[in-house]
């Protein structure tokens, strides 16, 4: 049995999740269906949305905020961060611009969450 805190809404239900021998997942403690789905996913295939920053070319101390366009496998987060450390973008950058495609071989793009003019 694994105890989790649901992060799908501000309530933060304490979930108890257990993977059964037949492959099903038993969830308790959720107050809504989203909590049950979160618990199932967290036990079978945990994923995360990654938020970070990347350097802006020509601006020594400037960074632009970025995030994954969708969630990626939890086990790929550190690889994603290592790849982002080497990224430098050239202005102008607009919210939603793809900064890097296929981060950590996940098929997910990194997108800007802030605009930077030249």
C-alpha atoms as a PDB file:
ATOM      1  CA  UNK A   1       0.000   0.000   0.000  1.00  0.00           C
ATOM      2  CA  UNK A   2       1.323   3.415  -0.978  1.00  0.00           C
ATOM      3  CA  UNK A   3       0.089   6.674   0.535  1.00  0.00           C
ATOM      4  CA  UNK A   4      -0.163   9.641  -1.831  1.00  0.00           C
ATOM      5  CA  UNK A   5      -1.352  13.215  -1.640  1.00  0.00           C
ATOM      6  CA  UNK A   6      -3.576  14.047  -4.596  1.00  0.00           C
ATOM      7  CA  UNK A   7      -2.435  17.158  -6.500  1.00  0.00           C
ATOM      8  CA  UNK A   8      -5.305  17.516  -8.987  1.00  0.00           C
ATOM      9  CA  UNK A   9      -7.146  20.140  -6.914  1.00  0.00           C
ATOM     10  CA  UNK A  10      -6.578  22.300  -3.809  1.00  0.00           C
ATOM     11  CA  UNK A  11      -8.241  19.801  -1.425  1.00  0.00           C
ATOM     12  CA  UNK A  12      -5.158  17.531  -1.373  1.00  0.00           C
ATOM     13  CA  UNK A  13      -6.853  14.262  -0.456  1.00  0.00           C
ATOM     14  CA  UNK A  14      -4.712  11.603   1.195  1.00  0.00           C
ATOM     15  CA  UNK A  15      -4.978   8.575  -1.057  1.00  0.00           C
ATOM     16  CA  UNK A  16      -4.156   4.988  -0.326  1.00  0.00           C
ATOM     17  CA  UNK A  17      -3.205   3.119  -3.489  1.00  0.00           C
ATOM     18  CA  UNK A  18      -2.427  -0.537  -3.904  1.00  0.00           C
ATOM     19  CA  UNK A  19      -1.493  -2.470  -7.032  1.00  0.00           C
ATOM     20  CA  UNK A  20      -3.272  -5.831  -6.972  1.00  0.00           C
ATOM     21  CA  UNK A  21      -1.764  -9.077  -8.272  1.00  0.00           C
ATOM     22  CA  UNK A  22      -4.176  -9.042 -11.216  1.00  0.00           C
ATOM     23  CA  UNK A  23      -2.872  -5.609 -12.298  1.00  0.00           C
ATOM     24  CA  UNK A  24      -5.814  -3.568 -11.046  1.00  0.00           C
ATOM     25  CA  UNK A  25      -5.246  -0.637  -8.724  1.00  0.00           C
ATOM     26  CA  UNK A  26      -7.317  -0.083  -5.598  1.00  0.00           C
ATOM     27  CA  UNK A  27      -7.678   3.562  -4.551  1.00  0.00           C
ATOM     28  CA  UNK A  28      -9.289   4.914  -1.390  1.00  0.00           C
ATOM     29  CA  UNK A  29      -9.414   8.322   0.297  1.00  0.00           C
ATOM     30  CA  UNK A  30     -10.322  10.281  -2.831  1.00  0.00           C
ATOM     31  CA  UNK A  31     -13.245  12.710  -2.686  1.00  0.00           C
ATOM     32  CA  UNK A  32     -13.720  12.859  -6.443  1.00  0.00           C
ATOM     33  CA  UNK A  33     -13.109  10.745  -9.557  1.00  0.00           C
ATOM     34  CA  UNK A  34     -10.071  12.878 -10.489  1.00  0.00           C
ATOM     35  CA  UNK A  35      -8.346  11.729  -7.300  1.00  0.00           C
ATOM     36  CA  UNK A  36      -8.930   8.085  -8.178  1.00  0.00           C
ATOM     37  CA  UNK A  37      -7.528   8.634 -11.673  1.00  0.00           C
ATOM     38  CA  UNK A  38      -4.501  10.483 -10.277  1.00  0.00           C
ATOM     39  CA  UNK A  39      -3.797   7.611  -7.852  1.00  0.00           C
ATOM     40  CA  UNK A  40      -4.056   4.987 -10.599  1.00  0.00           C
ATOM     41  CA  UNK A  41      -1.721   6.911 -12.872  1.00  0.00           C
ATOM     42  CA  UNK A  42       0.761   7.633 -10.087  1.00  0.00           C
ATOM     43  CA  UNK A  43       1.016   3.925  -9.248  1.00  0.00           C
ATOM     44  CA  UNK A  44       1.185   2.590 -12.814  1.00  0.00           C
ATOM     45  CA  UNK A  45       2.854   5.355 -14.869  1.00  0.00           C
ATOM     46  CA  UNK A  46       3.824   8.499 -12.914  1.00  0.00           C
ATOM     47  CA  UNK A  47       4.311  11.623 -15.034  1.00  0.00           C
ATOM     48  CA  UNK A  48       5.137  15.258 -14.405  1.00  0.00           C
ATOM     49  CA  UNK A  49       4.940  18.620 -16.169  1.00  0.00           C
ATOM     50  CA  UNK A  50       8.399  20.207 -15.932  1.00  0.00           C
ATOM     51  CA  UNK A  51       8.824  23.960 -15.505  1.00  0.00           C
ATOM     52  CA  UNK A  52      12.205  25.653 -15.722  1.00  0.00           C
ATOM     53  CA  UNK A  53      14.106  28.467 -17.405  1.00  0.00           C
ATOM     54  CA  UNK A  54      16.554  28.726 -20.313  1.00  0.00           C
ATOM     55  CA  UNK A  55      19.154  31.363 -21.070  1.00  0.00           C
ATOM     56  CA  UNK A  56      18.503  34.213 -23.512  1.00  0.00           C
ATOM     57  CA  UNK A  57      21.295  34.807 -26.048  1.00  0.00           C
ATOM     58  CA  UNK A  58      22.953  38.205 -25.848  1.00  0.00           C
ATOM     59  CA  UNK A  59      21.620  38.903 -22.346  1.00  0.00           C
ATOM     60  CA  UNK A  60      24.089  37.704 -19.729  1.00  0.00           C
ATOM     61  CA  UNK A  61      21.689  37.525 -16.779  1.00  0.00           C
ATOM     62  CA  UNK A  62      18.355  36.977 -18.550  1.00  0.00           C
ATOM     63  CA  UNK A  63      16.315  33.791 -18.691  1.00  0.00           C
ATOM     64  CA  UNK A  64      12.907  32.928 -20.083  1.00  0.00           C
ATOM     65  CA  UNK A  65      10.490  30.571 -18.342  1.00  0.00           C
ATOM     66  CA  UNK A  66       9.585  27.345 -20.137  1.00  0.00           C
ATOM     67  CA  UNK A  67       7.600  24.169 -19.520  1.00  0.00           C
ATOM     68  CA  UNK A  68       6.864  20.840 -21.121  1.00  0.00           C
ATOM     69  CA  UNK A  69       3.867  21.045 -23.454  1.00  0.00           C
ATOM     70  CA  UNK A  70       2.444  18.008 -21.651  1.00  0.00           C
ATOM     71  CA  UNK A  71       3.524  15.656 -18.915  1.00  0.00           C
ATOM     72  CA  UNK A  72       6.540  13.398 -19.318  1.00  0.00           C
ATOM     73  CA  UNK A  73       7.504  10.178 -17.507  1.00  0.00           C
ATOM     74  CA  UNK A  74       8.730  10.961 -14.004  1.00  0.00           C
ATOM     75  CA  UNK A  75      11.925   8.997 -14.677  1.00  0.00           C
ATOM     76  CA  UNK A  76      12.846  11.415 -17.489  1.00  0.00           C
ATOM     77  CA  UNK A  77      12.688  14.622 -15.407  1.00  0.00           C
ATOM     78  CA  UNK A  78      16.408  14.797 -14.562  1.00  0.00           C
ATOM     79  CA  UNK A  79      17.396  14.063 -18.174  1.00  0.00           C
ATOM     80  CA  UNK A  80      15.032  16.844 -19.251  1.00  0.00           C
ATOM     81  CA  UNK A  81      16.650  19.294 -16.820  1.00  0.00           C
ATOM     82  CA  UNK A  82      20.142  18.388 -18.053  1.00  0.00           C
ATOM     83  CA  UNK A  83      19.108  19.067 -21.651  1.00  0.00           C
ATOM     84  CA  UNK A  84      17.514  22.392 -20.693  1.00  0.00           C
ATOM     85  CA  UNK A  85      20.747  23.533 -19.019  1.00  0.00           C
ATOM     86  CA  UNK A  86      22.390  23.608 -22.461  1.00  0.00           C
ATOM     87  CA  UNK A  87      19.590  25.521 -24.226  1.00  0.00           C
ATOM     88  CA  UNK A  88      19.914  29.178 -25.218  1.00  0.00           C
ATOM     89  CA  UNK A  89      17.157  31.017 -27.087  1.00  0.00           C
ATOM     90  CA  UNK A  90      17.386  34.065 -29.313  1.00  0.00           C
ATOM     91  CA  UNK A  91      14.764  36.814 -28.932  1.00  0.00           C
ATOM     92  CA  UNK A  92      12.103  37.547 -29.823  1.00  0.00           C
ATOM     93  CA  UNK A  93      10.340  34.737 -27.959  1.00  0.00           C
ATOM     94  CA  UNK A  94       6.575  34.571 -27.580  1.00  0.00           C
ATOM     95  CA  UNK A  95       4.427  32.601 -25.162  1.00  0.00           C
ATOM     96  CA  UNK A  96       3.835  29.181 -26.707  1.00  0.00           C
ATOM     97  CA  UNK A  97       6.894  29.213 -28.979  1.00  0.00           C
ATOM     98  CA  UNK A  98       8.548  25.797 -29.178  1.00  0.00           C
ATOM     99  CA  UNK A  99      12.000  26.159 -27.641  1.00  0.00           C
ATOM    100  CA  UNK A 100      13.056  22.512 -27.990  1.00  0.00           C
ATOM    101  CA  UNK A 101      11.342  19.510 -29.569  1.00  0.00           C
ATOM    102  CA  UNK A 102      11.341  15.950 -28.238  1.00  0.00           C
ATOM    103  CA  UNK A 103      12.931  16.659 -24.858  1.00  0.00           C
ATOM    104  CA  UNK A 104      14.712  13.588 -23.454  1.00  0.00           C
ATOM    105  CA  UNK A 105      13.295  11.425 -26.274  1.00  0.00           C
ATOM    106  CA  UNK A 106       9.772  11.778 -24.846  1.00  0.00           C
ATOM    107  CA  UNK A 107       8.124  13.217 -27.956  1.00  0.00           C
ATOM    108  CA  UNK A 108       7.149  16.284 -25.885  1.00  0.00           C
ATOM    109  CA  UNK A 109       8.194  19.835 -26.770  1.00  0.00           C
ATOM    110  CA  UNK A 110       9.443  22.556 -24.441  1.00  0.00           C
ATOM    111  CA  UNK A 111       7.456  25.782 -24.870  1.00  0.00           C
ATOM    112  CA  UNK A 112       8.031  29.334 -23.672  1.00  0.00           C
ATOM    113  CA  UNK A 113       5.703  30.585 -20.947  1.00  0.00           C
ATOM    114  CA  UNK A 114       6.878  34.206 -21.165  1.00  0.00           C
ATOM    115  CA  UNK A 115       7.534  36.585 -24.018  1.00  0.00           C
ATOM    116  CA  UNK A 116      10.877  38.324 -24.527  1.00  0.00           C
ATOM    117  CA  UNK A 117      11.251  41.109 -27.081  1.00  0.00           C
ATOM    118  CA  UNK A 118      14.515  41.903 -28.818  1.00  0.00           C
END
